[in-house]
C-alpha atoms as a PDB file:
ATOM      1  CA  MET A   1     189.036  64.661 105.868  1.00  0.00           C
ATOM      2  CA  LEU A   2     186.137  63.852 108.009  1.00  0.00           C
ATOM      3  CA  ASP A   3     186.695  62.788 111.608  1.00  0.00           C
ATOM      4  CA  PRO A   4     184.842  59.537 112.451  1.00  0.00           C
ATOM      5  CA  LEU A   5     184.741  60.604 116.129  1.00  0.00           C
ATOM      6  CA  LYS A   6     182.921  63.871 115.449  1.00  0.00           C
ATOM      7  CA  THR A   7     179.114  63.780 115.458  1.00  0.00           C
ATOM      8  CA  SER A   8     178.913  66.388 112.662  1.00  0.00           C
ATOM      9  CA  SER A   9     180.697  63.859 110.319  1.00  0.00           C
ATOM     10  CA  TYR A  10     177.593  61.697 110.225  1.00  0.00           C
ATOM     11  CA  ASP A  11     175.231  64.365 108.904  1.00  0.00           C
ATOM     12  CA  TYR A  12     173.688  64.130 105.378  1.00  0.00           C
ATOM     13  CA  ASP A  13     170.803  65.846 103.670  1.00  0.00           C
ATOM     14  CA  LEU A  14     167.748  63.720 103.005  1.00  0.00           C
ATOM     15  CA  PRO A  15     164.849  65.238 101.040  1.00  0.00           C
ATOM     16  CA  LYS A  16     161.616  64.771 102.954  1.00  0.00           C
ATOM     17  CA  GLU A  17     160.039  62.746 100.128  1.00  0.00           C
ATOM     18  CA  PHE A  18     162.631  59.951 100.766  1.00  0.00           C
ATOM     19  CA  ILE A  19     161.210  59.148 104.101  1.00  0.00           C
ATOM     20  CA  ALA A  20     158.909  56.058 103.837  1.00  0.00           C
ATOM     21  CA  THR A  21     155.690  56.552 105.657  1.00  0.00           C
ATOM     22  CA  HIS A  22     154.238  53.147 104.549  1.00  0.00           C
ATOM     23  CA  PRO A  23     155.952  49.817 103.535  1.00  0.00           C
ATOM     24  CA  VAL A  24     155.842  48.396 100.115  1.00  0.00           C
ATOM     25  CA  SER A  25     153.733  45.327  99.583  1.00  0.00           C
ATOM     26  CA  PRO A  26     154.725  42.592  99.408  1.00  0.00           C
ATOM     27  CA  ALA A  27     157.400  43.358 101.934  1.00  0.00           C
ATOM     28  CA  ASP A  28     160.131  41.594  99.994  1.00  0.00           C
ATOM     29  CA  ASN A  29     159.631  43.955  97.042  1.00  0.00           C
ATOM     30  CA  ALA A  30     161.514  46.554  99.016  1.00  0.00           C
ATOM     31  CA  ARG A  31     164.913  47.498  97.351  1.00  0.00           C
ATOM     32  CA  LEU A  32     168.167  46.149  98.729  1.00  0.00           C
ATOM     33  CA  LEU A  33     171.559  47.812  98.291  1.00  0.00           C
ATOM     34  CA  VAL A  34     174.245  45.200  98.635  1.00  0.00           C
ATOM     35  CA  TYR A  35     177.812  46.500  99.460  1.00  0.00           C
ATOM     36  CA  ASN A  36     180.490  43.782  99.038  1.00  0.00           C
ATOM     37  CA  ARG A  37     183.621  44.674 101.042  1.00  0.00           C
ATOM     38  CA  THR A  38     185.977  42.210  99.101  1.00  0.00           C
ATOM     39  CA  THR A  39     185.211  43.714  95.701  1.00  0.00           C
ATOM     40  CA  ASN A  40     184.282  47.250  97.090  1.00  0.00           C
ATOM     41  CA  SER A  41     181.224  47.113  94.840  1.00  0.00           C
ATOM     42  CA  ILE A  42     177.620  48.179  95.206  1.00  0.00           C
ATOM     43  CA  THR A  43     174.711  46.079  93.754  1.00  0.00           C
ATOM     44  CA  HIS A  44     171.074  47.326  93.463  1.00  0.00           C
ATOM     45  CA  THR A  45     168.609  44.482  93.804  1.00  0.00           C
ATOM     46  CA  THR A  46     165.476  43.651  95.987  1.00  0.00           C
ATOM     47  CA  PHE A  47     164.925  41.693  99.248  1.00  0.00           C
ATOM     48  CA  LYS A  48     163.311  38.861  97.188  1.00  0.00           C
ATOM     49  CA  ASN A  49     166.924  38.147  95.833  1.00  0.00           C
ATOM     50  CA  LEU A  50     168.520  38.253  99.260  1.00  0.00           C
ATOM     51  CA  LEU A  51     169.744  34.612  99.112  1.00  0.00           C
ATOM     52  CA  ASP A  52     171.720  35.236  95.888  1.00  0.00           C
ATOM     53  CA  PHE A  53     174.069  37.389  97.913  1.00  0.00           C
ATOM     54  CA  LEU A  54     174.443  35.598 101.154  1.00  0.00           C
ATOM     55  CA  PRO A  55     177.699  33.553 101.746  1.00  0.00           C
ATOM     56  CA  GLN A  56     177.657  29.861 102.443  1.00  0.00           C
ATOM     57  CA  ASN A  57     177.983  28.329 105.883  1.00  0.00           C
ATOM     58  CA  LEU A  58     176.235  31.277 107.606  1.00  0.00           C
ATOM     59  CA  SER A  59     174.476  31.560 110.997  1.00  0.00           C
ATOM     60  CA  ILE A  60     171.586  34.022 110.834  1.00  0.00           C
ATOM     61  CA  PHE A  61     170.340  35.801 113.989  1.00  0.00           C
ATOM     62  CA  LEU A  62     166.978  37.636 114.294  1.00  0.00           C
ATOM     63  CA  ASN A  63     165.211  39.600 116.913  1.00  0.00           C
ATOM     64  CA  ASP A  64     161.857  38.246 118.098  1.00  0.00           C
ATOM     65  CA  THR A  65     160.823  41.165 120.200  1.00  0.00           C
ATOM     66  CA  LYS A  66     157.188  42.405 119.851  1.00  0.00           C
ATOM     67  CA  VAL A  67     156.104  46.029 119.708  1.00  0.00           C
ATOM     68  CA  ILE A  68     153.788  47.208 122.490  1.00  0.00           C
ATOM     69  CA  LYS A  69     150.943  49.566 121.811  1.00  0.00           C
ATOM     70  CA  ALA A  70     152.934  51.849 124.087  1.00  0.00           C
ATOM     71  CA  ARG A  71     151.239  55.233 123.259  1.00  0.00           C
ATOM     72  CA  ILE A  72     148.265  56.119 125.317  1.00  0.00           C
ATOM     73  CA  PHE A  73     146.150  59.307 125.784  1.00  0.00           C
ATOM     74  CA  GLY A  74     144.516  60.430 128.938  1.00  0.00           C
ATOM     75  CA  THR A  75     143.860  63.168 131.454  1.00  0.00           C
ATOM     76  CA  LYS A  76     145.350  64.532 134.644  1.00  0.00           C
ATOM     77  CA  GLU A  77     143.243  65.176 137.778  1.00  0.00           C
ATOM     78  CA  THR A  78     142.866  68.818 136.582  1.00  0.00           C
ATOM     79  CA  GLY A  79     141.294  67.546 133.329  1.00  0.00           C
ATOM     80  CA  GLY A  80     144.214  68.570 131.245  1.00  0.00           C
ATOM     81  CA  LYS A  81     145.046  66.170 128.378  1.00  0.00           C
ATOM     82  CA  ILE A  82     148.297  64.196 128.481  1.00  0.00           C
ATOM     83  CA  GLU A  83     150.071  61.677 126.137  1.00  0.00           C
ATOM     84  CA  LEU A  84     152.131  58.916 127.738  1.00  0.00           C
ATOM     85  CA  LEU A  85     154.730  56.583 125.926  1.00  0.00           C
ATOM     86  CA  LEU A  86     155.719  53.470 127.805  1.00  0.00           C
ATOM     87  CA  ASN A  87     159.528  52.904 127.381  1.00  0.00           C
ATOM     88  CA  LYS A  88     160.213  49.932 129.480  1.00  0.00           C
ATOM     89  CA  PRO A  89     159.406  48.045 132.697  1.00  0.00           C
ATOM     90  CA  LEU A  90     161.691  48.495 135.675  1.00  0.00           C
ATOM     91  CA  PHE A  91     161.905  46.469 138.911  1.00  0.00           C
ATOM     92  CA  MET A  92     158.910  46.088 141.332  1.00  0.00           C
ATOM     93  CA  ASP A  93     156.203  46.885 138.722  1.00  0.00           C
ATOM     94  CA  ARG A  94     157.487  50.318 138.106  1.00  0.00           C
ATOM     95  CA  TYR A  95     157.868  51.740 134.488  1.00  0.00           C
ATOM     96  CA  LEU A  96     159.967  54.192 132.692  1.00  0.00           C
ATOM     97  CA  VAL A  97     157.815  56.440 130.516  1.00  0.00           C
ATOM     98  CA  MET A  98     157.800  59.752 128.577  1.00  0.00           C
ATOM     99  CA  ILE A  99     154.990  62.033 129.277  1.00  0.00           C
ATOM    100  CA  GLY A 100     154.014  65.047 127.168  1.00  0.00           C
ATOM    101  CA  GLY A 101     153.414  68.120 129.173  1.00  0.00           C
ATOM    102  CA  LYS A 102     154.284  69.047 132.846  1.00  0.00           C
ATOM    103  CA  VAL A 103     153.674  66.511 135.594  1.00  0.00           C
ATOM    104  CA  ARG A 104     155.088  66.433 139.071  1.00  0.00           C
ATOM    105  CA  ILE A 105     155.812  63.603 141.533  1.00  0.00           C
ATOM    106  CA  GLY A 106     152.568  62.458 142.904  1.00  0.00           C
ATOM    107  CA  THR A 107     150.527  63.510 139.767  1.00  0.00           C
ATOM    108  CA  LYS A 108     147.803  60.972 138.929  1.00  0.00           C
ATOM    109  CA  LEU A 109     146.833  60.222 135.271  1.00  0.00           C
ATOM    110  CA  PHE A 110     143.659  58.650 134.028  1.00  0.00           C
ATOM    111  CA  PHE A 111     142.991  56.529 130.886  1.00  0.00           C
ATOM    112  CA  ASP A 112     140.372  54.286 129.437  1.00  0.00           C
ATOM    113  CA  GLU A 113     139.613  50.734 130.904  1.00  0.00           C
ATOM    114  CA  ASN A 114     139.936  52.203 134.420  1.00  0.00           C
ATOM    115  CA  LEU A 115     143.677  52.374 133.883  1.00  0.00           C
ATOM    116  CA  ASN A 116     145.543  55.005 135.876  1.00  0.00           C
ATOM    117  CA  ALA A 117     149.245  55.893 136.689  1.00  0.00           C
ATOM    118  CA  GLU A 118     150.991  57.756 139.521  1.00  0.00           C
ATOM    119  CA  VAL A 119     154.152  59.626 138.863  1.00  0.00           C
ATOM    120  CA  LEU A 120     156.898  58.413 141.238  1.00  0.00           C
ATOM    121  CA  GLU A 121     160.059  60.041 139.925  1.00  0.00           C
ATOM    122  CA  VAL A 122     161.040  62.670 137.373  1.00  0.00           C
ATOM    123  CA  ASN A 123     164.419  62.050 135.717  1.00  0.00           C
ATOM    124  CA  GLU A 124     166.939  64.704 134.475  1.00  0.00           C
ATOM    125  CA  ASP A 125     166.451  63.536 130.804  1.00  0.00           C
ATOM    126  CA  GLY A 126     162.667  64.266 130.990  1.00  0.00           C
ATOM    127  CA  SER A 127     161.635  60.671 131.476  1.00  0.00           C
ATOM    128  CA  ARG A 128     159.418  59.673 134.383  1.00  0.00           C
ATOM    129  CA  VAL A 129     158.949  56.532 136.513  1.00  0.00           C
ATOM    130  CA  VAL A 130     155.312  55.577 137.152  1.00  0.00           C
ATOM    131  CA  GLN A 131     153.301  52.729 138.569  1.00  0.00           C
ATOM    132  CA  PHE A 132     150.129  51.670 136.817  1.00  0.00           C
ATOM    133  CA  PHE A 133     146.847  50.567 138.574  1.00  0.00           C
ATOM    134  CA  GLN A 134     143.542  49.225 137.417  1.00  0.00           C
ATOM    135  CA  ASN A 135     140.721  49.414 139.989  1.00  0.00           C
ATOM    136  CA  ASP A 136     143.387  50.233 142.629  1.00  0.00           C
ATOM    137  CA  LYS A 137     145.337  47.010 141.791  1.00  0.00           C
ATOM    138  CA  LYS A 138     148.979  47.531 140.905  1.00  0.00           C
ATOM    139  CA  LEU A 139     149.695  46.031 137.485  1.00  0.00           C
ATOM    140  CA  ASP A 140     152.515  43.737 136.418  1.00  0.00           C
ATOM    141  CA  PHE A 141     153.858  43.949 132.879  1.00  0.00           C
ATOM    142  CA  LEU A 142     151.906  41.394 131.020  1.00  0.00           C
ATOM    143  CA  THR A 143     148.602  42.579 132.534  1.00  0.00           C
ATOM    144  CA  LEU A 144     149.473  46.110 131.473  1.00  0.00           C
ATOM    145  CA  VAL A 145     150.297  44.934 128.003  1.00  0.00           C
ATOM    146  CA  ASP A 146     146.787  43.319 127.849  1.00  0.00           C
ATOM    147  CA  ILE A 147     145.197  46.648 128.608  1.00  0.00           C
ATOM    148  CA  LEU A 148     147.451  48.629 126.265  1.00  0.00           C
ATOM    149  CA  ASN A 149     146.517  46.256 123.444  1.00  0.00           C
ATOM    150  CA  LYS A 150     142.909  47.487 123.968  1.00  0.00           C
ATOM    151  CA  ILE A 151     143.440  51.210 124.450  1.00  0.00           C
ATOM    152  CA  GLY A 152     146.928  51.976 123.131  1.00  0.00           C
ATOM    153  CA  HIS A 153     148.490  53.011 119.821  1.00  0.00           C
ATOM    154  CA  LEU A 154     151.530  51.673 117.988  1.00  0.00           C
ATOM    155  CA  PRO A 155     154.387  54.183 118.699  1.00  0.00           C
ATOM    156  CA  LEU A 156     155.256  54.908 115.105  1.00  0.00           C
ATOM    157  CA  PRO A 157     158.540  56.862 114.818  1.00  0.00           C
ATOM    158  CA  PRO A 158     158.023  60.657 114.885  1.00  0.00           C
ATOM    159  CA  TYR A 159     159.533  61.047 111.419  1.00  0.00           C
ATOM    160  CA  MET A 160     156.575  59.269 109.793  1.00  0.00           C
ATOM    161  CA  ASN A 161     154.670  62.262 110.839  1.00  0.00           C
ATOM    162  CA  ARG A 162     151.232  60.384 110.974  1.00  0.00           C
ATOM    163  CA  ASP A 163     148.959  58.423 113.368  1.00  0.00           C
ATOM    164  CA  ASP A 164     149.081  54.689 113.403  1.00  0.00           C
ATOM    165  CA  GLU A 165     146.398  52.872 111.221  1.00  0.00           C
ATOM    166  CA  GLU A 166     144.949  49.514 111.599  1.00  0.00           C
ATOM    167  CA  LYS A 167     147.267  48.212 108.897  1.00  0.00           C
ATOM    168  CA  ASP A 168     150.345  49.142 111.029  1.00  0.00           C
ATOM    169  CA  GLU A 169     149.317  46.369 113.460  1.00  0.00           C
ATOM    170  CA  LYS A 170     150.531  43.852 110.934  1.00  0.00           C
ATOM    171  CA  ASP A 171     153.106  45.899 109.064  1.00  0.00           C
ATOM    172  CA  TYR A 172     155.015  47.189 112.109  1.00  0.00           C
ATOM    173  CA  GLN A 173     155.454  43.711 113.604  1.00  0.00           C
ATOM    174  CA  THR A 174     157.908  41.127 112.300  1.00  0.00           C
ATOM    175  CA  LEU A 175     156.515  37.691 111.279  1.00  0.00           C
ATOM    176  CA  PHE A 176     158.260  36.115 114.199  1.00  0.00           C
ATOM    177  CA  ALA A 177     157.445  38.764 116.867  1.00  0.00           C
ATOM    178  CA  LYS A 178     157.023  36.789 120.051  1.00  0.00           C
ATOM    179  CA  ASN A 179     158.049  38.637 123.222  1.00  0.00           C
ATOM    180  CA  TYR A 180     156.288  41.851 124.058  1.00  0.00           C
ATOM    181  CA  GLY A 181     158.621  44.648 125.170  1.00  0.00           C
ATOM    182  CA  ALA A 182     159.608  46.947 122.230  1.00  0.00           C
ATOM    183  CA  VAL A 183     158.499  50.533 121.509  1.00  0.00           C
ATOM    184  CA  ALA A 184     159.978  50.401 118.081  1.00  0.00           C
ATOM    185  CA  ALA A 185     160.189  47.427 115.559  1.00  0.00           C
ATOM    186  CA  PRO A 186     163.549  45.880 114.539  1.00  0.00           C
ATOM    187  CA  THR A 187     162.944  47.249 111.109  1.00  0.00           C
ATOM    188  CA  ALA A 188     165.390  45.237 109.014  1.00  0.00           C
ATOM    189  CA  SER A 189     163.217  42.161 109.782  1.00  0.00           C
ATOM    190  CA  LEU A 190     160.052  43.860 108.364  1.00  0.00           C
ATOM    191  CA  HIS A 191     161.118  42.869 104.912  1.00  0.00           C
ATOM    192  CA  PHE A 192     160.632  39.200 105.381  1.00  0.00           C
ATOM    193  CA  THR A 193     157.700  37.346 103.788  1.00  0.00           C
ATOM    194  CA  PRO A 194     156.679  33.798 104.766  1.00  0.00           C
ATOM    195  CA  GLU A 195     158.127  32.529 101.477  1.00  0.00           C
ATOM    196  CA  LEU A 196     161.464  34.246 101.933  1.00  0.00           C
ATOM    197  CA  LEU A 197     161.856  33.151 105.566  1.00  0.00           C
ATOM    198  CA  GLU A 198     161.049  29.531 104.465  1.00  0.00           C
ATOM    199  CA  LYS A 199     163.818  29.655 101.866  1.00  0.00           C
ATOM    200  CA  ILE A 200     166.233  30.967 104.381  1.00  0.00           C
ATOM    201  CA  ASN A 201     165.305  28.331 106.936  1.00  0.00           C
ATOM    202  CA  ALA A 202     165.838  25.629 104.408  1.00  0.00           C
ATOM    203  CA  LYS A 203     169.420  26.830 103.691  1.00  0.00           C
ATOM    204  CA  TYR A 204     170.830  28.300 106.798  1.00  0.00           C
ATOM    205  CA  SER A 205     171.022  28.005 110.575  1.00  0.00           C
ATOM    206  CA  VAL A 206     168.401  30.660 111.766  1.00  0.00           C
ATOM    207  CA  ASN A 207     168.284  31.654 115.367  1.00  0.00           C
ATOM    208  CA  TYR A 208     166.348  34.130 117.513  1.00  0.00           C
ATOM    209  CA  LEU A 209     167.279  36.325 120.417  1.00  0.00           C
ATOM    210  CA  THR A 210     165.481  39.173 121.994  1.00  0.00           C
ATOM    211  CA  LEU A 211     166.317  42.869 122.504  1.00  0.00           C
ATOM    212  CA  HIS A 212     163.422  45.081 123.463  1.00  0.00           C
ATOM    213  CA  VAL A 213     164.025  48.220 121.415  1.00  0.00           C
ATOM    214  CA  GLY A 214     163.562  51.290 123.518  1.00  0.00           C
ATOM    215  CA  ALA A 215     162.709  54.955 122.822  1.00  0.00           C
ATOM    216  CA  GLY A 216     166.390  55.719 123.209  1.00  0.00           C
ATOM    217  CA  THR A 217     166.979  54.232 119.783  1.00  0.00           C
ATOM    218  CA  PHE A 218     165.709  57.598 118.403  1.00  0.00           C
ATOM    219  CA  LYS A 219     167.727  59.747 120.789  1.00  0.00           C
ATOM    220  CA  PRO A 220     169.952  61.952 118.687  1.00  0.00           C
ATOM    221  CA  VAL A 221     173.685  62.277 119.504  1.00  0.00           C
ATOM    222  CA  ASP A 222     173.902  65.928 120.686  1.00  0.00           C
ATOM    223  CA  VAL A 223     177.502  65.971 121.863  1.00  0.00           C
ATOM    224  CA  ASP A 224     180.489  67.010 119.542  1.00  0.00           C
ATOM    225  CA  ASP A 225     182.508  63.919 120.287  1.00  0.00           C
ATOM    226  CA  ILE A 226     180.611  60.667 119.803  1.00  0.00           C
ATOM    227  CA  LEU A 227     182.492  58.927 122.501  1.00  0.00           C
ATOM    228  CA  ASN A 228     180.932  61.333 125.098  1.00  0.00           C
ATOM    229  CA  HIS A 229     177.405  60.205 124.077  1.00  0.00           C
ATOM    230  CA  PRO A 230     175.591  58.539 127.034  1.00  0.00           C
ATOM    231  CA  MET A 231     174.280  55.323 125.272  1.00  0.00           C
ATOM    232  CA  HIS A 232     170.823  54.147 126.174  1.00  0.00           C
ATOM    233  CA  SER A 233     170.418  50.651 127.474  1.00  0.00           C
ATOM    234  CA  GLU A 234     167.834  48.017 126.441  1.00  0.00           C
ATOM    235  CA  TYR A 235     166.915  44.647 127.968  1.00  0.00           C
ATOM    236  CA  PHE A 236     168.037  41.553 126.104  1.00  0.00           C
ATOM    237  CA  GLU A 237     167.860  37.846 126.423  1.00  0.00           C
ATOM    238  CA  ILE A 238     169.738  35.099 124.592  1.00  0.00           C
ATOM    239  CA  GLY A 239     168.181  31.591 124.969  1.00  0.00           C
ATOM    240  CA  ILE A 240     170.106  28.394 125.360  1.00  0.00           C
ATOM    241  CA  ASP A 241     169.830  27.351 121.736  1.00  0.00           C
ATOM    242  CA  ALA A 242     170.842  30.764 120.413  1.00  0.00           C
ATOM    243  CA  LYS A 243     173.798  30.913 122.838  1.00  0.00           C
ATOM    244  CA  LYS A 244     174.914  27.502 121.538  1.00  0.00           C
ATOM    245  CA  ALA A 245     174.592  28.530 117.887  1.00  0.00           C
ATOM    246  CA  LEU A 246     176.541  31.850 118.578  1.00  0.00           C
ATOM    247  CA  ASP A 247     179.357  29.920 120.337  1.00  0.00           C
ATOM    248  CA  LYS A 248     179.870  27.567 117.405  1.00  0.00           C
ATOM    249  CA  ALA A 249     179.075  29.998 114.577  1.00  0.00           C
ATOM    250  CA  SER A 250     182.063  30.635 112.244  1.00  0.00           C
ATOM    251  CA  LYS A 251     180.210  33.375 110.171  1.00  0.00           C
ATOM    252  CA  VAL A 252     177.491  35.463 111.665  1.00  0.00           C
ATOM    253  CA  LEU A 253     174.809  37.574 109.789  1.00  0.00           C
ATOM    254  CA  ALA A 254     173.012  39.967 112.164  1.00  0.00           C
ATOM    255  CA  VAL A 255     169.663  40.977 110.859  1.00  0.00           C
ATOM    256  CA  GLY A 256     169.429  44.490 112.215  1.00  0.00           C
ATOM    257  CA  THR A 257     171.391  46.853 114.534  1.00  0.00           C
ATOM    258  CA  THR A 258     169.530  45.376 117.626  1.00  0.00           C
ATOM    259  CA  VAL A 259     170.826  41.932 116.817  1.00  0.00           C
ATOM    260  CA  THR A 260     174.315  43.297 116.159  1.00  0.00           C
ATOM    261  CA  ARG A 261     174.455  45.013 119.548  1.00  0.00           C
ATOM    262  CA  THR A 262     173.185  41.995 121.382  1.00  0.00           C
ATOM    263  CA  VAL A 263     175.614  39.588 119.876  1.00  0.00           C
ATOM    264  CA  GLU A 264     178.503  41.986 120.339  1.00  0.00           C
ATOM    265  CA  TYR A 265     177.562  42.655 123.952  1.00  0.00           C
ATOM    266  CA  TYR A 266     177.407  38.790 124.583  1.00  0.00           C
ATOM    267  CA  GLN A 267     180.750  38.379 122.909  1.00  0.00           C
ATOM    268  CA  ARG A 268     182.387  40.976 125.226  1.00  0.00           C
ATOM    269  CA  THR A 269     180.628  40.128 128.525  1.00  0.00           C
ATOM    270  CA  ASN A 270     179.486  36.518 128.280  1.00  0.00           C
ATOM    271  CA  LYS A 271     176.055  37.753 129.602  1.00  0.00           C
ATOM    272  CA  ILE A 272     172.956  36.143 128.182  1.00  0.00           C
ATOM    273  CA  GLN A 273     170.419  38.593 129.697  1.00  0.00           C
ATOM    274  CA  GLY A 274     170.416  42.018 131.230  1.00  0.00           C
ATOM    275  CA  GLU A 275     170.765  45.534 129.960  1.00  0.00           C
ATOM    276  CA  CYS A 276     172.779  46.108 126.682  1.00  0.00           C
ATOM    277  CA  ASP A 277     174.335  49.624 126.388  1.00  0.00           C
ATOM    278  CA  LEU A 278     176.932  48.788 123.895  1.00  0.00           C
ATOM    279  CA  PHE A 279     177.851  51.670 121.433  1.00  0.00           C
ATOM    280  CA  LEU A 280     179.436  50.307 118.245  1.00  0.00           C
ATOM    281  CA  ASN A 281     181.218  52.957 116.061  1.00  0.00           C
ATOM    282  CA  PRO A 282     184.504  53.094 114.184  1.00  0.00           C
ATOM    283  CA  ALA A 283     186.428  53.264 117.480  1.00  0.00           C
ATOM    284  CA  ASN A 284     184.587  50.223 118.750  1.00  0.00           C
ATOM    285  CA  LYS A 285     184.152  47.765 115.841  1.00  0.00           C
ATOM    286  CA  PRO A 286     182.400  44.396 115.776  1.00  0.00           C
ATOM    287  CA  ILE A 287     184.407  41.300 116.869  1.00  0.00           C
ATOM    288  CA  LYS A 288     181.809  38.477 116.251  1.00  0.00           C
ATOM    289  CA  VAL A 289     179.228  39.716 113.641  1.00  0.00           C
ATOM    290  CA  ASP A 290     180.706  39.417 110.088  1.00  0.00           C
ATOM    291  CA  TYR A 291     177.798  40.635 108.058  1.00  0.00           C
ATOM    292  CA  LEU A 292     174.973  43.057 108.599  1.00  0.00           C
ATOM    293  CA  LEU A 293     171.468  43.472 107.082  1.00  0.00           C
ATOM    294  CA  THR A 294     169.955  46.809 108.098  1.00  0.00           C
ATOM    295  CA  ASN A 295     167.837  49.799 106.919  1.00  0.00           C
ATOM    296  CA  PHE A 296     168.939  53.307 106.305  1.00  0.00           C
ATOM    297  CA  HIS A 297     169.246  55.413 109.450  1.00  0.00           C
ATOM    298  CA  LEU A 298     168.788  58.964 110.702  1.00  0.00           C
ATOM    299  CA  PRO A 299     171.713  61.461 110.350  1.00  0.00           C
ATOM    300  CA  LYS A 300     173.961  61.841 113.450  1.00  0.00           C
ATOM    301  CA  SER A 301     172.324  58.736 115.158  1.00  0.00           C
ATOM    302  CA  THR A 302     174.082  55.834 116.908  1.00  0.00           C
ATOM    303  CA  LEU A 303     172.664  53.515 114.230  1.00  0.00           C
ATOM    304  CA  ILE A 304     174.467  55.133 111.300  1.00  0.00           C
ATOM    305  CA  MET A 305     177.611  55.121 113.571  1.00  0.00           C
ATOM    306  CA  LEU A 306     177.066  51.321 113.984  1.00  0.00           C
ATOM    307  CA  VAL A 307     177.043  50.953 110.224  1.00  0.00           C
ATOM    308  CA  ALA A 308     180.290  52.957 110.062  1.00  0.00           C
ATOM    309  CA  SER A 309     181.842  50.442 112.582  1.00  0.00           C
ATOM    310  CA  PHE A 310     181.564  47.833 109.822  1.00  0.00           C
ATOM    311  CA  VAL A 311     182.722  49.854 106.672  1.00  0.00           C
ATOM    312  CA  GLY A 312     184.126  53.129 107.964  1.00  0.00           C
ATOM    313  CA  LEU A 313     182.717  56.575 107.964  1.00  0.00           C
ATOM    314  CA  GLU A 314     183.610  57.581 104.416  1.00  0.00           C
ATOM    315  CA  LYS A 315     182.264  54.407 102.846  1.00  0.00           C
ATOM    316  CA  THR A 316     179.054  54.759 104.939  1.00  0.00           C
ATOM    317  CA  LEU A 317     178.445  58.321 103.583  1.00  0.00           C
ATOM    318  CA  GLU A 318     179.306  57.074 100.025  1.00  0.00           C
ATOM    319  CA  ILE A 319     176.751  54.288 100.311  1.00  0.00           C
ATOM    320  CA  TYR A 320     174.034  56.698 101.735  1.00  0.00           C
ATOM    321  CA  HIS A 321     174.675  59.249  98.956  1.00  0.00           C
ATOM    322  CA  GLU A 322     174.376  56.483  96.391  1.00  0.00           C
ATOM    323  CA  ALA A 323     171.031  55.332  97.908  1.00  0.00           C
ATOM    324  CA  ILE A 324     169.730  58.951  97.769  1.00  0.00           C
ATOM    325  CA  LYS A 325     170.821  59.241  94.111  1.00  0.00           C
ATOM    326  CA  GLU A 326     169.053  55.943  93.256  1.00  0.00           C
ATOM    327  CA  ASN A 327     165.862  57.101  95.212  1.00  0.00           C
ATOM    328  CA  TYR A 328     165.899  54.470  97.923  1.00  0.00           C
ATOM    329  CA  ARG A 329     163.158  54.822 100.604  1.00  0.00           C
ATOM    330  CA  PHE A 330     164.703  55.643 104.130  1.00  0.00           C
ATOM    331  CA  TYR A 331     164.031  54.715 107.779  1.00  0.00           C
ATOM    332  CA  SER A 332     161.689  52.210 109.474  1.00  0.00           C
ATOM    333  CA  TYR A 333     159.376  51.452 106.493  1.00  0.00           C
ATOM    334  CA  GLY A 334     162.045  52.052 103.929  1.00  0.00           C
ATOM    335  CA  ASP A 335     164.506  49.983 101.868  1.00  0.00           C
ATOM    336  CA  GLY A 336     167.525  48.145 103.145  1.00  0.00           C
ATOM    337  CA  MET A 337     171.189  47.438 102.743  1.00  0.00           C
ATOM    338  CA  LEU A 338     173.277  44.268 103.117  1.00  0.00           C
ATOM    339  CA  ILE A 339     176.934  44.475 104.079  1.00  0.00           C
ATOM    340  CA  ILE A 340     178.881  41.381 103.154  1.00  0.00           C
END
């Protein structure tokens, strides 16, 4: 019997051709696997038919974060080429970044639009802390985002194995993306079309919160016991209206793992903003979110462990093997699943 606390239990074989490198069009033509826990049954349908499967009297929560063009290319003072990925802003106009190649504290990096950066700290996990300047003026976050929108690239997940294209600027943002700060899209929400969103708004209480997805979402679990995994943290914010809706909601559908973690963190701490580092897994199950709409996730990732917190390890693997057997498309631009 598989041990739900062992990282190796969350492994599965996925043929490379099952990794979606582009989305289907229109977005709600993506396939949807529906797992009903009451009847222990799986139904194969499409996102277009989502409303046919949602229970009544439901409060739906979505993540309105917006993906930054966080990937930029430049040079060191020596002329050597470097690639920088912005992860998130810190205090005092300092930023957590990943930099390809060796850079020491004090190294200066140069980019287009007279943008440059200075390395202030080198962390044990390989990340760096930098400050950004333009024409010797230190940059705040929103000014930096404006520059990145001119010179940067969308940081598509590494498993897509391709450069970003112009089409990704639309495809890799949700319809309701509003608050800049993410380096990865909340991908379960990429399946919504204006028509589908309109139908859902007409029938349900739909609410928005913000969690800025960080690069840590792709960090593999590389310890044997999942409870020893140092969970990454991501900034979140729940507005007054969303807080009120959460407090009075009798049944909650979280669209995506990011929404799930935000809602569950609030339920446990009563905090409406800050850093969320909640790790949901079979030993730490949801206490507020009833239903989950999500994509198919990487083996041995905290995201597949979150799915297992809803249905258990064995059922999660059974669902994933069924999806592979039925030729579902996996990961960020892939198909999805609904747990009711």
